[in-house]
């Protein structure tokens, strides 16, 4: 379901960059400057835009993802053991990012900080929860309790920090690198192409082997004294997988019913330690840069990384995406 999450998240990010102030009576505020009090015009604009994005996103998902599969009664499906839980981490990241975008849009409209946090978390949960409803009526999938837990965690991570600290000290982030399968046999190359696509954009959305998810932690925000560290410098702990060519195992059948068993190819978990940047903590007076930094902050920046991979131990990457 990575495609669906990216579609919805991209819509929200575009809204954050494109939404405009149409209230002529309050023109003293610049386009990107957050309101210092409630602007009803902006509230209606943000609400209407988010509602439109939600409706368009659900219609697009139904057409692109669900239309060609049979529907049935609503049901649940336990998929906790698939993709070494990478898809669950992806659900949490998407819910977190959607919640933050919605929260910042309502703050731009002048809604009080705590209320914006509640509304943002609710919208992130709504967007992700609606996908679970669509899954629940699809005979191909089914609503996933594990996905629901992951979605809730992502929105709750944003809301909890806003209520506790009035800021995000721990961020969920995402990164991707293209995976080279040229050293594998042709059967595995064909399997990777069928699962993950051939184009970079397709692989970026579908290929869990190339994705990494991170908890990016800002040390200076937890310290009462000056440490000399740049306040924008984060420490990131990440998770990824490798050599995964199926949801539950590396065994599959082709369209002709021919069985391929690559269970000897061990599916590996990877854990990372790296540096990162919290773009929102970079000092600038430019509203354009602040808005751009906010949009970039859901992505982990390339940096040196220490990786622990099962069976192989520690590996150092001078630059890891």
C-alpha atoms as a PDB file:
ATOM      1  CA  UNK A   1       0.000   0.000   0.000  1.00  0.00           C
ATOM      2  CA  UNK A   2       2.988   2.329  -0.319  1.00  0.00           C
ATOM      3  CA  UNK A   3       1.526   3.828  -3.518  1.00  0.00           C
ATOM      4  CA  UNK A   4      -1.655   4.909  -1.749  1.00  0.00           C
ATOM      5  CA  UNK A   5       0.187   6.498   1.147  1.00  0.00           C
ATOM      6  CA  UNK A   6       2.473   8.462  -1.188  1.00  0.00           C
ATOM      7  CA  UNK A   7      -0.501   9.731  -3.240  1.00  0.00           C
ATOM      8  CA  UNK A   8      -2.244  11.113  -0.162  1.00  0.00           C
ATOM      9  CA  UNK A   9       0.945  12.531   1.373  1.00  0.00           C
ATOM     10  CA  UNK A  10       1.945  14.270  -1.860  1.00  0.00           C
ATOM     11  CA  UNK A  11      -1.463  15.930  -2.013  1.00  0.00           C
ATOM     12  CA  UNK A  12      -1.047  17.251   1.518  1.00  0.00           C
ATOM     13  CA  UNK A  13       2.485  18.517   0.876  1.00  0.00           C
ATOM     14  CA  UNK A  14       1.295  20.336  -2.234  1.00  0.00           C
ATOM     15  CA  UNK A  15      -1.480  21.915  -0.196  1.00  0.00           C
ATOM     16  CA  UNK A  16       1.013  23.150   2.368  1.00  0.00           C
ATOM     17  CA  UNK A  17       3.045  24.782  -0.403  1.00  0.00           C
ATOM     18  CA  UNK A  18       0.170  26.129  -2.520  1.00  0.00           C
ATOM     19  CA  UNK A  19      -2.650  27.105  -0.147  1.00  0.00           C
ATOM     20  CA  UNK A  20      -3.285  30.857  -0.313  1.00  0.00           C
ATOM     21  CA  UNK A  21      -4.763  33.565   1.876  1.00  0.00           C
ATOM     22  CA  UNK A  22      -7.936  34.873   0.228  1.00  0.00           C
ATOM     23  CA  UNK A  23      -9.151  37.060   3.089  1.00  0.00           C
ATOM     24  CA  UNK A  24      -8.719  40.633   1.842  1.00  0.00           C
ATOM     25  CA  UNK A  25      -9.437  42.176   5.244  1.00  0.00           C
ATOM     26  CA  UNK A  26      -6.320  40.568   6.672  1.00  0.00           C
ATOM     27  CA  UNK A  27      -3.913  41.330   3.844  1.00  0.00           C
ATOM     28  CA  UNK A  28      -1.364  42.682   6.307  1.00  0.00           C
ATOM     29  CA  UNK A  29      -0.094  39.108   6.614  1.00  0.00           C
ATOM     30  CA  UNK A  30       2.087  37.772   3.841  1.00  0.00           C
ATOM     31  CA  UNK A  31       1.061  34.716   1.886  1.00  0.00           C
ATOM     32  CA  UNK A  32       3.151  32.187   3.852  1.00  0.00           C
ATOM     33  CA  UNK A  33       3.131  33.896   7.243  1.00  0.00           C
ATOM     34  CA  UNK A  34       1.091  32.035   9.909  1.00  0.00           C
ATOM     35  CA  UNK A  35      -1.771  34.041  11.351  1.00  0.00           C
ATOM     36  CA  UNK A  36      -1.422  35.381  14.906  1.00  0.00           C
ATOM     37  CA  UNK A  37      -5.167  34.904  15.476  1.00  0.00           C
ATOM     38  CA  UNK A  38      -7.913  32.816  13.948  1.00  0.00           C
ATOM     39  CA  UNK A  39      -8.585  33.640  10.282  1.00  0.00           C
ATOM     40  CA  UNK A  40     -11.947  32.204   9.335  1.00  0.00           C
ATOM     41  CA  UNK A  41     -11.172  32.602   5.648  1.00  0.00           C
ATOM     42  CA  UNK A  42      -8.015  30.545   5.996  1.00  0.00           C
ATOM     43  CA  UNK A  43      -9.737  27.948   8.178  1.00  0.00           C
ATOM     44  CA  UNK A  44     -12.437  27.451   5.545  1.00  0.00           C
ATOM     45  CA  UNK A  45      -9.835  27.345   2.795  1.00  0.00           C
ATOM     46  CA  UNK A  46      -7.678  24.783   4.570  1.00  0.00           C
ATOM     47  CA  UNK A  47     -10.673  22.658   5.567  1.00  0.00           C
ATOM     48  CA  UNK A  48     -12.125  22.761   2.075  1.00  0.00           C
ATOM     49  CA  UNK A  49      -8.765  21.973   0.490  1.00  0.00           C
ATOM     50  CA  UNK A  50      -8.113  19.055   2.830  1.00  0.00           C
ATOM     51  CA  UNK A  51     -11.628  17.782   2.234  1.00  0.00           C
ATOM     52  CA  UNK A  52     -11.089  18.006  -1.512  1.00  0.00           C
ATOM     53  CA  UNK A  53      -7.729  16.247  -1.242  1.00  0.00           C
ATOM     54  CA  UNK A  54      -9.332  13.527   0.860  1.00  0.00           C
ATOM     55  CA  UNK A  55     -12.167  12.965  -1.637  1.00  0.00           C
ATOM     56  CA  UNK A  56      -9.832  13.078  -4.647  1.00  0.00           C
ATOM     57  CA  UNK A  57      -7.363  10.757  -2.939  1.00  0.00           C
ATOM     58  CA  UNK A  58     -10.008   8.170  -2.085  1.00  0.00           C
ATOM     59  CA  UNK A  59     -11.434   8.267  -5.611  1.00  0.00           C
ATOM     60  CA  UNK A  60      -7.947   7.940  -7.097  1.00  0.00           C
ATOM     61  CA  UNK A  61      -7.086   5.021  -4.828  1.00  0.00           C
ATOM     62  CA  UNK A  62     -10.321   3.267  -5.686  1.00  0.00           C
ATOM     63  CA  UNK A  63      -9.637   3.677  -9.414  1.00  0.00           C
ATOM     64  CA  UNK A  64      -5.934   2.825  -9.323  1.00  0.00           C
ATOM     65  CA  UNK A  65      -5.740   0.235  -6.558  1.00  0.00           C
ATOM     66  CA  UNK A  66      -9.097  -1.421  -5.810  1.00  0.00           C
ATOM     67  CA  UNK A  67     -11.269  -1.256  -8.946  1.00  0.00           C
ATOM     68  CA  UNK A  68      -9.968  -4.455 -10.549  1.00  0.00           C
ATOM     69  CA  UNK A  69     -10.388  -6.592  -7.426  1.00  0.00           C
ATOM     70  CA  UNK A  70     -13.642  -8.127  -6.161  1.00  0.00           C
ATOM     71  CA  UNK A  71     -15.439  -6.577  -3.175  1.00  0.00           C
ATOM     72  CA  UNK A  72     -17.088  -8.405  -0.324  1.00  0.00           C
ATOM     73  CA  UNK A  73     -18.156  -8.065   3.276  1.00  0.00           C
ATOM     74  CA  UNK A  74     -15.939  -6.029   5.564  1.00  0.00           C
ATOM     75  CA  UNK A  75     -13.345  -8.278   7.165  1.00  0.00           C
ATOM     76  CA  UNK A  76      -9.999  -8.186   8.932  1.00  0.00           C
ATOM     77  CA  UNK A  77      -6.792  -9.836   7.806  1.00  0.00           C
ATOM     78  CA  UNK A  78      -3.703 -10.417   9.944  1.00  0.00           C
ATOM     79  CA  UNK A  79      -0.677  -9.466   7.841  1.00  0.00           C
ATOM     80  CA  UNK A  80       1.733  -8.750  10.676  1.00  0.00           C
ATOM     81  CA  UNK A  81       4.299 -11.244   9.321  1.00  0.00           C
ATOM     82  CA  UNK A  82       4.601  -9.700   5.841  1.00  0.00           C
ATOM     83  CA  UNK A  83       7.563  -7.749   4.423  1.00  0.00           C
ATOM     84  CA  UNK A  84       9.440  -8.078   7.731  1.00  0.00           C
ATOM     85  CA  UNK A  85       7.108  -5.351   9.058  1.00  0.00           C
ATOM     86  CA  UNK A  86       8.504  -2.667   6.734  1.00  0.00           C
ATOM     87  CA  UNK A  87       4.994  -1.850   5.527  1.00  0.00           C
ATOM     88  CA  UNK A  88       3.882  -1.289   9.135  1.00  0.00           C
ATOM     89  CA  UNK A  89       6.681   1.197   9.735  1.00  0.00           C
ATOM     90  CA  UNK A  90       5.641   2.851   6.478  1.00  0.00           C
ATOM     91  CA  UNK A  91       2.094   3.234   7.774  1.00  0.00           C
ATOM     92  CA  UNK A  92       3.380   4.932  10.922  1.00  0.00           C
ATOM     93  CA  UNK A  93       5.576   7.317   8.901  1.00  0.00           C
ATOM     94  CA  UNK A  94       2.723   8.270   6.587  1.00  0.00           C
ATOM     95  CA  UNK A  95       0.283   8.910   9.440  1.00  0.00           C
ATOM     96  CA  UNK A  96       2.905  11.025  11.219  1.00  0.00           C
ATOM     97  CA  UNK A  97       3.696  13.066   8.087  1.00  0.00           C
ATOM     98  CA  UNK A  98       0.033  13.600   7.173  1.00  0.00           C
ATOM     99  CA  UNK A  99      -0.766  14.655  10.737  1.00  0.00           C
ATOM    100  CA  UNK A 100       2.064  17.180  10.772  1.00  0.00           C
ATOM    101  CA  UNK A 101       1.124  18.696   7.419  1.00  0.00           C
ATOM    102  CA  UNK A 102      -2.497  19.111   8.531  1.00  0.00           C
ATOM    103  CA  UNK A 103      -1.403  20.549  11.874  1.00  0.00           C
ATOM    104  CA  UNK A 104       0.863  23.121  10.230  1.00  0.00           C
ATOM    105  CA  UNK A 105      -1.868  24.141   7.771  1.00  0.00           C
ATOM    106  CA  UNK A 106      -4.272  24.883  10.618  1.00  0.00           C
ATOM    107  CA  UNK A 107      -1.581  26.795  12.471  1.00  0.00           C
ATOM    108  CA  UNK A 108      -1.092  28.817   9.295  1.00  0.00           C
ATOM    109  CA  UNK A 109      -4.825  29.538   9.523  1.00  0.00           C
ATOM    110  CA  UNK A 110      -4.422  30.831  13.088  1.00  0.00           C
ATOM    111  CA  UNK A 111      -5.799  27.903  15.075  1.00  0.00           C
ATOM    112  CA  UNK A 112      -4.287  27.621  18.556  1.00  0.00           C
ATOM    113  CA  UNK A 113      -1.300  25.252  18.773  1.00  0.00           C
ATOM    114  CA  UNK A 114      -2.828  22.501  20.914  1.00  0.00           C
ATOM    115  CA  UNK A 115      -6.057  22.504  18.924  1.00  0.00           C
ATOM    116  CA  UNK A 116      -4.059  22.319  15.698  1.00  0.00           C
ATOM    117  CA  UNK A 117      -2.197  19.294  17.052  1.00  0.00           C
ATOM    118  CA  UNK A 118      -5.444  17.514  17.900  1.00  0.00           C
ATOM    119  CA  UNK A 119      -6.977  18.344  14.527  1.00  0.00           C
ATOM    120  CA  UNK A 120      -3.825  17.312  12.648  1.00  0.00           C
ATOM    121  CA  UNK A 121      -3.640  13.957  14.428  1.00  0.00           C
ATOM    122  CA  UNK A 122      -7.327  13.353  13.755  1.00  0.00           C
ATOM    123  CA  UNK A 123      -6.913  14.110  10.040  1.00  0.00           C
ATOM    124  CA  UNK A 124      -3.875  11.837   9.736  1.00  0.00           C
ATOM    125  CA  UNK A 125      -5.853   9.060  11.420  1.00  0.00           C
ATOM    126  CA  UNK A 126      -8.837   9.698   9.139  1.00  0.00           C
ATOM    127  CA  UNK A 127      -6.788   9.549   5.952  1.00  0.00           C
ATOM    128  CA  UNK A 128      -5.037   6.331   6.937  1.00  0.00           C
ATOM    129  CA  UNK A 129      -8.122   4.785   8.554  1.00  0.00           C
ATOM    130  CA  UNK A 130     -10.115   5.266   5.353  1.00  0.00           C
ATOM    131  CA  UNK A 131      -7.555   3.205   3.470  1.00  0.00           C
ATOM    132  CA  UNK A 132      -8.091   0.406   5.989  1.00  0.00           C
ATOM    133  CA  UNK A 133     -11.844   0.611   5.330  1.00  0.00           C
ATOM    134  CA  UNK A 134     -11.220   0.207   1.597  1.00  0.00           C
ATOM    135  CA  UNK A 135      -8.910  -2.719   2.360  1.00  0.00           C
ATOM    136  CA  UNK A 136     -11.567  -4.234   4.599  1.00  0.00           C
ATOM    137  CA  UNK A 137     -14.101  -4.435   1.782  1.00  0.00           C
ATOM    138  CA  UNK A 138     -11.585  -5.814  -0.707  1.00  0.00           C
ATOM    139  CA  UNK A 139     -11.396  -9.594  -0.954  1.00  0.00           C
ATOM    140  CA  UNK A 140      -7.787  -9.210  -2.041  1.00  0.00           C
ATOM    141  CA  UNK A 141      -6.684  -7.724   1.300  1.00  0.00           C
ATOM    142  CA  UNK A 142      -8.779  -7.012   4.383  1.00  0.00           C
ATOM    143  CA  UNK A 143      -8.400  -4.422   7.112  1.00  0.00           C
ATOM    144  CA  UNK A 144      -5.181  -4.998   9.011  1.00  0.00           C
ATOM    145  CA  UNK A 145      -5.171  -4.623  12.828  1.00  0.00           C
ATOM    146  CA  UNK A 146      -1.395  -4.161  12.660  1.00  0.00           C
ATOM    147  CA  UNK A 147      -1.807  -1.337  10.139  1.00  0.00           C
ATOM    148  CA  UNK A 148      -4.346   0.343  12.409  1.00  0.00           C
ATOM    149  CA  UNK A 149      -1.914   0.155  15.332  1.00  0.00           C
ATOM    150  CA  UNK A 150       0.885   1.578  13.163  1.00  0.00           C
ATOM    151  CA  UNK A 151      -1.343   4.407  11.907  1.00  0.00           C
ATOM    152  CA  UNK A 152      -2.344   5.248  15.469  1.00  0.00           C
ATOM    153  CA  UNK A 153       1.277   5.262  16.602  1.00  0.00           C
ATOM    154  CA  UNK A 154       2.285   7.695  13.862  1.00  0.00           C
ATOM    155  CA  UNK A 155      -0.441  10.225  14.665  1.00  0.00           C
ATOM    156  CA  UNK A 156       0.030   9.742  18.420  1.00  0.00           C
ATOM    157  CA  UNK A 157       3.783  10.370  18.125  1.00  0.00           C
ATOM    158  CA  UNK A 158       3.069  13.805  16.684  1.00  0.00           C
ATOM    159  CA  UNK A 159       0.263  14.652  19.112  1.00  0.00           C
ATOM    160  CA  UNK A 160       2.064  13.409  22.218  1.00  0.00           C
ATOM    161  CA  UNK A 161       5.138  15.522  21.560  1.00  0.00           C
ATOM    162  CA  UNK A 162       3.082  18.637  20.862  1.00  0.00           C
ATOM    163  CA  UNK A 163       1.212  18.192  24.137  1.00  0.00           C
ATOM    164  CA  UNK A 164       4.339  17.353  26.132  1.00  0.00           C
ATOM    165  CA  UNK A 165       6.937  19.681  24.596  1.00  0.00           C
ATOM    166  CA  UNK A 166       5.084  21.930  22.098  1.00  0.00           C
ATOM    167  CA  UNK A 167       7.606  20.760  19.478  1.00  0.00           C
ATOM    168  CA  UNK A 168       8.756  17.674  17.606  1.00  0.00           C
ATOM    169  CA  UNK A 169      11.941  16.381  19.200  1.00  0.00           C
ATOM    170  CA  UNK A 170      11.653  12.919  17.639  1.00  0.00           C
ATOM    171  CA  UNK A 171      10.698  12.703  13.989  1.00  0.00           C
ATOM    172  CA  UNK A 172       9.726   9.814  11.744  1.00  0.00           C
ATOM    173  CA  UNK A 173      11.571  10.053   8.423  1.00  0.00           C
ATOM    174  CA  UNK A 174      11.977   8.087   5.189  1.00  0.00           C
ATOM    175  CA  UNK A 175      14.778   7.541   2.685  1.00  0.00           C
ATOM    176  CA  UNK A 176      15.304   5.466  -0.430  1.00  0.00           C
ATOM    177  CA  UNK A 177      18.154   4.126  -2.533  1.00  0.00           C
ATOM    178  CA  UNK A 178      17.925   2.201  -5.791  1.00  0.00           C
ATOM    179  CA  UNK A 179      18.795  -1.497  -5.433  1.00  0.00           C
ATOM    180  CA  UNK A 180      20.996  -3.127  -8.069  1.00  0.00           C
ATOM    181  CA  UNK A 181      19.811  -6.664  -8.892  1.00  0.00           C
ATOM    182  CA  UNK A 182      22.214  -7.215 -11.796  1.00  0.00           C
ATOM    183  CA  UNK A 183      24.344  -9.672  -9.801  1.00  0.00           C
ATOM    184  CA  UNK A 184      21.317 -11.963  -9.227  1.00  0.00           C
ATOM    185  CA  UNK A 185      20.052 -14.591 -11.664  1.00  0.00           C
ATOM    186  CA  UNK A 186      17.492 -13.687 -14.314  1.00  0.00           C
ATOM    187  CA  UNK A 187      14.591 -15.246 -12.428  1.00  0.00           C
ATOM    188  CA  UNK A 188      15.164 -12.988  -9.425  1.00  0.00           C
ATOM    189  CA  UNK A 189      15.654  -9.964 -11.668  1.00  0.00           C
ATOM    190  CA  UNK A 190      12.315 -10.700 -13.353  1.00  0.00           C
ATOM    191  CA  UNK A 191      10.681 -11.175  -9.947  1.00  0.00           C
ATOM    192  CA  UNK A 192      12.030  -7.838  -8.713  1.00  0.00           C
ATOM    193  CA  UNK A 193      10.783  -6.093 -11.850  1.00  0.00           C
ATOM    194  CA  UNK A 194       7.328  -7.635 -11.477  1.00  0.00           C
ATOM    195  CA  UNK A 195       7.076  -6.666  -7.796  1.00  0.00           C
ATOM    196  CA  UNK A 196       8.796  -3.310  -7.734  1.00  0.00           C
ATOM    197  CA  UNK A 197       8.651  -1.969 -11.291  1.00  0.00           C
ATOM    198  CA  UNK A 198      11.369  -0.841 -13.688  1.00  0.00           C
ATOM    199  CA  UNK A 199      11.289   2.930 -13.355  1.00  0.00           C
ATOM    200  CA  UNK A 200      12.954   4.730 -10.463  1.00  0.00           C
ATOM    201  CA  UNK A 201       9.662   6.315  -9.411  1.00  0.00           C
ATOM    202  CA  UNK A 202       7.977   2.901  -9.266  1.00  0.00           C
ATOM    203  CA  UNK A 203      10.798   1.354  -7.269  1.00  0.00           C
ATOM    204  CA  UNK A 204      10.865   4.290  -4.886  1.00  0.00           C
ATOM    205  CA  UNK A 205       7.217   3.643  -4.007  1.00  0.00           C
ATOM    206  CA  UNK A 206       7.160  -0.153  -4.089  1.00  0.00           C
ATOM    207  CA  UNK A 207      10.595  -1.545  -3.272  1.00  0.00           C
ATOM    208  CA  UNK A 208      10.864  -2.146   0.464  1.00  0.00           C
ATOM    209  CA  UNK A 209      14.428  -3.417  -0.067  1.00  0.00           C
ATOM    210  CA  UNK A 210      15.490   0.124  -0.955  1.00  0.00           C
ATOM    211  CA  UNK A 211      13.473   2.004   1.639  1.00  0.00           C
ATOM    212  CA  UNK A 212      14.602   2.930   5.139  1.00  0.00           C
ATOM    213  CA  UNK A 213      12.584   4.418   7.973  1.00  0.00           C
ATOM    214  CA  UNK A 214      14.141   6.479  10.734  1.00  0.00           C
ATOM    215  CA  UNK A 215      13.532   7.862  14.179  1.00  0.00           C
ATOM    216  CA  UNK A 216      15.400  11.156  13.941  1.00  0.00           C
ATOM    217  CA  UNK A 217      16.157  12.523  17.411  1.00  0.00           C
ATOM    218  CA  UNK A 218      17.256  16.061  18.236  1.00  0.00           C
ATOM    219  CA  UNK A 219      19.733  15.860  21.177  1.00  0.00           C
ATOM    220  CA  UNK A 220      19.928  19.592  21.911  1.00  0.00           C
ATOM    221  CA  UNK A 221      16.183  19.805  22.551  1.00  0.00           C
ATOM    222  CA  UNK A 222      16.561  17.384  25.488  1.00  0.00           C
ATOM    223  CA  UNK A 223      19.404  19.323  27.128  1.00  0.00           C
ATOM    224  CA  UNK A 224      19.050  22.318  29.413  1.00  0.00           C
ATOM    225  CA  UNK A 225      22.604  23.567  28.873  1.00  0.00           C
ATOM    226  CA  UNK A 226      24.536  24.590  25.768  1.00  0.00           C
ATOM    227  CA  UNK A 227      26.376  21.622  24.290  1.00  0.00           C
ATOM    228  CA  UNK A 228      28.070  23.239  21.319  1.00  0.00           C
ATOM    229  CA  UNK A 229      26.099  21.018  18.963  1.00  0.00           C
ATOM    230  CA  UNK A 230      24.177  22.736  16.179  1.00  0.00           C
ATOM    231  CA  UNK A 231      20.554  22.811  17.269  1.00  0.00           C
ATOM    232  CA  UNK A 232      19.519  21.403  13.867  1.00  0.00           C
ATOM    233  CA  UNK A 233      21.749  18.316  14.157  1.00  0.00           C
ATOM    234  CA  UNK A 234      19.872  15.053  14.751  1.00  0.00           C
ATOM    235  CA  UNK A 235      20.878  11.483  15.491  1.00  0.00           C
ATOM    236  CA  UNK A 236      18.872   8.983  13.453  1.00  0.00           C
ATOM    237  CA  UNK A 237      18.151   5.314  14.174  1.00  0.00           C
ATOM    238  CA  UNK A 238      16.874   3.456  11.120  1.00  0.00           C
ATOM    239  CA  UNK A 239      15.378   0.181   9.948  1.00  0.00           C
ATOM    240  CA  UNK A 240      15.478  -1.536   6.559  1.00  0.00           C
ATOM    241  CA  UNK A 241      15.384  -4.953   4.897  1.00  0.00           C
ATOM    242  CA  UNK A 242      17.252  -6.795   2.150  1.00  0.00           C
ATOM    243  CA  UNK A 243      16.677  -9.761  -0.181  1.00  0.00           C
ATOM    244  CA  UNK A 244      12.915  -9.793   0.313  1.00  0.00           C
ATOM    245  CA  UNK A 245      11.053 -10.974  -2.795  1.00  0.00           C
ATOM    246  CA  UNK A 246       7.628 -11.684  -1.372  1.00  0.00           C
ATOM    247  CA  UNK A 247       5.352 -10.748   1.491  1.00  0.00           C
ATOM    248  CA  UNK A 248       5.868 -13.777   3.738  1.00  0.00           C
ATOM    249  CA  UNK A 249       8.651 -15.750   2.016  1.00  0.00           C
ATOM    250  CA  UNK A 250      10.795 -15.953  -1.097  1.00  0.00           C
ATOM    251  CA  UNK A 251       8.588 -18.580  -2.729  1.00  0.00           C
ATOM    252  CA  UNK A 252       6.132 -17.759  -5.521  1.00  0.00           C
ATOM    253  CA  UNK A 253       4.315 -19.068  -8.581  1.00  0.00           C
ATOM    254  CA  UNK A 254       4.305 -17.426 -11.995  1.00  0.00           C
ATOM    255  CA  UNK A 255       1.221 -16.984 -14.153  1.00  0.00           C
ATOM    256  CA  UNK A 256       1.667 -20.484 -15.571  1.00  0.00           C
ATOM    257  CA  UNK A 257       1.642 -22.071 -12.113  1.00  0.00           C
ATOM    258  CA  UNK A 258       5.369 -22.798 -12.108  1.00  0.00           C
ATOM    259  CA  UNK A 259       6.785 -22.735  -8.567  1.00  0.00           C
ATOM    260  CA  UNK A 260       9.987 -20.856  -7.735  1.00  0.00           C
ATOM    261  CA  UNK A 261      11.587 -21.580  -4.384  1.00  0.00           C
ATOM    262  CA  UNK A 262      14.281 -19.126  -3.294  1.00  0.00           C
ATOM    263  CA  UNK A 263      13.916 -19.808   0.413  1.00  0.00           C
ATOM    264  CA  UNK A 264      17.695 -20.338   0.555  1.00  0.00           C
ATOM    265  CA  UNK A 265      18.050 -16.585  -0.025  1.00  0.00           C
ATOM    266  CA  UNK A 266      17.828 -15.282   3.520  1.00  0.00           C
ATOM    267  CA  UNK A 267      15.579 -12.315   4.147  1.00  0.00           C
ATOM    268  CA  UNK A 268      17.588  -9.861   6.253  1.00  0.00           C
ATOM    269  CA  UNK A 269      16.783  -7.051   8.653  1.00  0.00           C
ATOM    270  CA  UNK A 270      19.077  -4.028   8.828  1.00  0.00           C
ATOM    271  CA  UNK A 271      19.516  -1.464  11.601  1.00  0.00           C
ATOM    272  CA  UNK A 272      21.218   1.890  11.095  1.00  0.00           C
ATOM    273  CA  UNK A 273      22.817   4.675  13.082  1.00  0.00           C
ATOM    274  CA  UNK A 274      23.369   7.940  11.237  1.00  0.00           C
ATOM    275  CA  UNK A 275      23.255  11.727  11.378  1.00  0.00           C
ATOM    276  CA  UNK A 276      20.392  13.845  10.128  1.00  0.00           C
ATOM    277  CA  UNK A 277      19.106  17.419   9.910  1.00  0.00           C
ATOM    278  CA  UNK A 278      15.973  18.852  11.485  1.00  0.00           C
ATOM    279  CA  UNK A 279      15.272  21.492   8.857  1.00  0.00           C
ATOM    280  CA  UNK A 280      12.729  23.281  11.031  1.00  0.00           C
ATOM    281  CA  UNK A 281      15.510  24.179  13.475  1.00  0.00           C
ATOM    282  CA  UNK A 282      17.596  26.009  10.880  1.00  0.00           C
ATOM    283  CA  UNK A 283      17.395  29.756  11.563  1.00  0.00           C
ATOM    284  CA  UNK A 284      16.034  31.757   8.649  1.00  0.00           C
ATOM    285  CA  UNK A 285      13.774  34.765   8.263  1.00  0.00           C
ATOM    286  CA  UNK A 286      12.537  33.579   4.876  1.00  0.00           C
ATOM    287  CA  UNK A 287       8.986  32.246   4.965  1.00  0.00           C
ATOM    288  CA  UNK A 288       9.623  30.510   1.645  1.00  0.00           C
ATOM    289  CA  UNK A 289      12.570  28.614   3.102  1.00  0.00           C
ATOM    290  CA  UNK A 290      10.661  27.788   6.266  1.00  0.00           C
ATOM    291  CA  UNK A 291       7.832  26.321   4.200  1.00  0.00           C
ATOM    292  CA  UNK A 292      10.271  24.397   2.011  1.00  0.00           C
ATOM    293  CA  UNK A 293      12.153  23.117   5.072  1.00  0.00           C
ATOM    294  CA  UNK A 294       8.877  21.915   6.557  1.00  0.00           C
ATOM    295  CA  UNK A 295       8.091  19.933   3.413  1.00  0.00           C
ATOM    296  CA  UNK A 296      11.604  18.418   3.335  1.00  0.00           C
ATOM    297  CA  UNK A 297      11.537  17.405   6.976  1.00  0.00           C
ATOM    298  CA  UNK A 298       9.748  14.103   6.342  1.00  0.00           C
ATOM    299  CA  UNK A 299      12.846  12.851   4.475  1.00  0.00           C
ATOM    300  CA  UNK A 300      16.132  11.671   5.949  1.00  0.00           C
ATOM    301  CA  UNK A 301      19.149  13.416   4.425  1.00  0.00           C
ATOM    302  CA  UNK A 302      22.015  11.318   2.988  1.00  0.00           C
ATOM    303  CA  UNK A 303      24.789  10.960   5.564  1.00  0.00           C
ATOM    304  CA  UNK A 304      27.448   8.509   6.814  1.00  0.00           C
ATOM    305  CA  UNK A 305      25.820   5.514   8.475  1.00  0.00           C
ATOM    306  CA  UNK A 306      26.730   2.484  10.536  1.00  0.00           C
ATOM    307  CA  UNK A 307      24.625  -0.553   9.594  1.00  0.00           C
ATOM    308  CA  UNK A 308      24.099  -3.832  11.431  1.00  0.00           C
ATOM    309  CA  UNK A 309      22.927  -6.532   9.037  1.00  0.00           C
ATOM    310  CA  UNK A 310      21.935 -10.015  10.101  1.00  0.00           C
ATOM    311  CA  UNK A 311      24.652 -12.616   9.425  1.00  0.00           C
ATOM    312  CA  UNK A 312      27.100  -9.951   8.218  1.00  0.00           C
ATOM    313  CA  UNK A 313      27.561  -7.785  11.286  1.00  0.00           C
ATOM    314  CA  UNK A 314      28.575  -4.130  11.158  1.00  0.00           C
ATOM    315  CA  UNK A 315      28.998  -2.291   7.862  1.00  0.00           C
ATOM    316  CA  UNK A 316      30.030   1.350   7.428  1.00  0.00           C
ATOM    317  CA  UNK A 317      28.612   3.453   4.596  1.00  0.00           C
ATOM    318  CA  UNK A 318      30.442   6.747   3.867  1.00  0.00           C
ATOM    319  CA  UNK A 319      27.133   8.032   2.474  1.00  0.00           C
ATOM    320  CA  UNK A 320      23.825   6.238   2.906  1.00  0.00           C
ATOM    321  CA  UNK A 321      20.495   7.186   1.349  1.00  0.00           C
END
